[in-house]
Amino acid sequence: MALRFRHQGETFLVEGNINSTTVKQFKNHLEFLLLFNKSLTLNMDGVKTIDENGLKVIKELHTASLLCNKKFSIIGKESKGIYADFLPNNAA
């Protein structure tokens, strides 16, 4: 499934699969949005699957947003799984 972005007010709905074939489009589009907006909120409800390449891009964009003092948020049903990937592993 092709990757689509739909503008919903202050939020951008992402639809499709984020994987090795779509990750470049995903990264380029989000970098553009982050560059030209004060903040970026992604609704991930339309994402069917996301692989490690997509998670890596999200982490990179999160870091870039911090460096530029821009707000970067992820919302939606699946955002908990993405958020969990940001947490450090606790080893005993």
C-alpha atoms as a PDB file:
ATOM      1  CA  MET A   1       0.000   0.000   0.000  1.00  0.00           C
ATOM      2  CA  ALA A   2       1.322   3.422  -0.944  1.00  0.00           C
ATOM      3  CA  LEU A   3       2.066   5.889   1.826  1.00  0.00           C
ATOM      4  CA  ARG A   4      -0.285   8.872   2.090  1.00  0.00           C
ATOM      5  CA  PHE A   5      -0.342  11.988   4.248  1.00  0.00           C
ATOM      6  CA  ARG A   6      -3.571  13.861   4.900  1.00  0.00           C
ATOM      7  CA  HIS A   7      -3.679  17.254   6.560  1.00  0.00           C
ATOM      8  CA  GLN A   8      -6.226  17.449   9.397  1.00  0.00           C
ATOM      9  CA  GLY A   9      -5.947  20.916  10.895  1.00  0.00           C
ATOM     10  CA  GLU A  10      -2.753  20.915  12.963  1.00  0.00           C
ATOM     11  CA  THR A  11      -2.332  17.144  12.571  1.00  0.00           C
ATOM     12  CA  PHE A  12      -1.087  14.991   9.707  1.00  0.00           C
ATOM     13  CA  LEU A  13      -2.695  11.570   9.288  1.00  0.00           C
ATOM     14  CA  VAL A  14      -0.272   8.947   7.976  1.00  0.00           C
ATOM     15  CA  GLU A  15      -1.834   6.082   5.993  1.00  0.00           C
ATOM     16  CA  GLY A  16      -0.183   2.948   4.617  1.00  0.00           C
ATOM     17  CA  ASN A  17       2.849   0.838   5.410  1.00  0.00           C
ATOM     18  CA  ILE A  18       6.132   2.300   6.604  1.00  0.00           C
ATOM     19  CA  ASN A  19       8.863  -0.084   5.523  1.00  0.00           C
ATOM     20  CA  SER A  20      12.085  -0.208   3.516  1.00  0.00           C
ATOM     21  CA  THR A  21      10.265   0.688   0.276  1.00  0.00           C
ATOM     22  CA  THR A  22       8.396   3.712   1.685  1.00  0.00           C
ATOM     23  CA  VAL A  23      10.768   4.961   4.384  1.00  0.00           C
ATOM     24  CA  LYS A  24      12.575   7.440   2.103  1.00  0.00           C
ATOM     25  CA  GLN A  25       9.272   9.080   1.117  1.00  0.00           C
ATOM     26  CA  PHE A  26       8.224   9.061   4.796  1.00  0.00           C
ATOM     27  CA  LYS A  27      11.464  10.735   5.911  1.00  0.00           C
ATOM     28  CA  ASN A  28      11.528  13.331   3.130  1.00  0.00           C
ATOM     29  CA  HIS A  29       7.919  14.354   3.695  1.00  0.00           C
ATOM     30  CA  LEU A  30       8.296  14.639   7.466  1.00  0.00           C
ATOM     31  CA  GLU A  31      11.544  16.608   7.188  1.00  0.00           C
ATOM     32  CA  PHE A  32       9.747  19.057   4.902  1.00  0.00           C
ATOM     33  CA  LEU A  33       6.798  19.351   7.303  1.00  0.00           C
ATOM     34  CA  LEU A  34       9.093  19.843  10.286  1.00  0.00           C
ATOM     35  CA  LEU A  35      11.105  22.491   8.457  1.00  0.00           C
ATOM     36  CA  PHE A  36       8.099  24.619   7.503  1.00  0.00           C
ATOM     37  CA  ASN A  37       5.886  24.182  10.587  1.00  0.00           C
ATOM     38  CA  LYS A  38       6.297  25.329  14.181  1.00  0.00           C
ATOM     39  CA  SER A  39       5.204  21.913  15.362  1.00  0.00           C
ATOM     40  CA  LEU A  40       4.429  18.524  13.864  1.00  0.00           C
ATOM     41  CA  THR A  41       1.773  16.130  15.124  1.00  0.00           C
ATOM     42  CA  LEU A  42       1.416  12.770  13.393  1.00  0.00           C
ATOM     43  CA  ASN A  43      -1.697  10.638  13.727  1.00  0.00           C
ATOM     44  CA  MET A  44      -0.552   7.057  13.113  1.00  0.00           C
ATOM     45  CA  ASP A  45      -4.057   5.496  13.102  1.00  0.00           C
ATOM     46  CA  GLY A  46      -3.858   4.849   9.356  1.00  0.00           C
ATOM     47  CA  VAL A  47      -0.526   3.007   9.528  1.00  0.00           C
ATOM     48  CA  LYS A  48      -0.957  -0.696   8.836  1.00  0.00           C
ATOM     49  CA  THR A  49       2.655  -1.690   9.618  1.00  0.00           C
ATOM     50  CA  ILE A  50       5.879   0.007  10.607  1.00  0.00           C
ATOM     51  CA  ASP A  51       9.280  -1.689  10.562  1.00  0.00           C
ATOM     52  CA  GLU A  52      12.582  -0.830  12.209  1.00  0.00           C
ATOM     53  CA  ASN A  53      13.441   1.541   9.330  1.00  0.00           C
ATOM     54  CA  GLY A  54      10.357   3.619  10.070  1.00  0.00           C
ATOM     55  CA  LEU A  55      11.062   3.641  13.799  1.00  0.00           C
ATOM     56  CA  LYS A  56      14.616   4.793  13.110  1.00  0.00           C
ATOM     57  CA  VAL A  57      13.325   7.721  11.020  1.00  0.00           C
ATOM     58  CA  ILE A  58      10.907   8.721  13.778  1.00  0.00           C
ATOM     59  CA  LYS A  59      13.769   8.729  16.290  1.00  0.00           C
ATOM     60  CA  GLU A  60      15.916  10.833  13.951  1.00  0.00           C
ATOM     61  CA  LEU A  61      13.112  13.341  13.415  1.00  0.00           C
ATOM     62  CA  HIS A  62      12.458  13.510  17.145  1.00  0.00           C
ATOM     63  CA  THR A  63      16.120  14.377  17.705  1.00  0.00           C
ATOM     64  CA  ALA A  64      16.029  16.969  14.908  1.00  0.00           C
ATOM     65  CA  SER A  65      12.920  18.568  16.401  1.00  0.00           C
ATOM     66  CA  LEU A  66      14.648  18.899  19.775  1.00  0.00           C
ATOM     67  CA  LEU A  67      17.654  20.570  18.160  1.00  0.00           C
ATOM     68  CA  CYS A  68      15.360  23.035  16.361  1.00  0.00           C
ATOM     69  CA  ASN A  69      13.131  23.661  19.409  1.00  0.00           C
ATOM     70  CA  LYS A  70      10.077  22.366  17.553  1.00  0.00           C
ATOM     71  CA  LYS A  71       7.312  20.259  19.014  1.00  0.00           C
ATOM     72  CA  PHE A  72       7.064  16.736  17.546  1.00  0.00           C
ATOM     73  CA  SER A  73       4.166  14.518  18.667  1.00  0.00           C
ATOM     74  CA  ILE A  74       2.783  11.147  17.688  1.00  0.00           C
ATOM     75  CA  ILE A  75      -0.822  10.275  18.450  1.00  0.00           C
ATOM     76  CA  GLY A  76      -3.195   7.447  17.645  1.00  0.00           C
ATOM     77  CA  LYS A  77      -4.016   3.926  18.711  1.00  0.00           C
ATOM     78  CA  GLU A  78      -0.642   2.520  17.697  1.00  0.00           C
ATOM     79  CA  SER A  79       1.420   5.324  19.209  1.00  0.00           C
ATOM     80  CA  LYS A  80       1.982   3.309  22.417  1.00  0.00           C
ATOM     81  CA  GLY A  81       4.053   0.753  20.488  1.00  0.00           C
ATOM     82  CA  ILE A  82       6.127   3.498  18.921  1.00  0.00           C
ATOM     83  CA  TYR A  83       6.543   5.237  22.282  1.00  0.00           C
ATOM     84  CA  ALA A  84       7.712   1.978  23.878  1.00  0.00           C
ATOM     85  CA  ASP A  85      10.532   1.823  21.325  1.00  0.00           C
ATOM     86  CA  PHE A  86      11.839   5.157  22.641  1.00  0.00           C
ATOM     87  CA  LEU A  87      12.131   3.913  26.208  1.00  0.00           C
ATOM     88  CA  PRO A  88      15.545   2.700  27.340  1.00  0.00           C
ATOM     89  CA  ASN A  89      15.913  -0.988  28.089  1.00  0.00           C
ATOM     90  CA  ASN A  90      16.222  -1.698  31.775  1.00  0.00           C
ATOM     91  CA  ALA A  91      18.764  -4.416  32.370  1.00  0.00           C
ATOM     92  CA  ALA A  92      19.289  -6.021  35.747  1.00  0.00           C
END
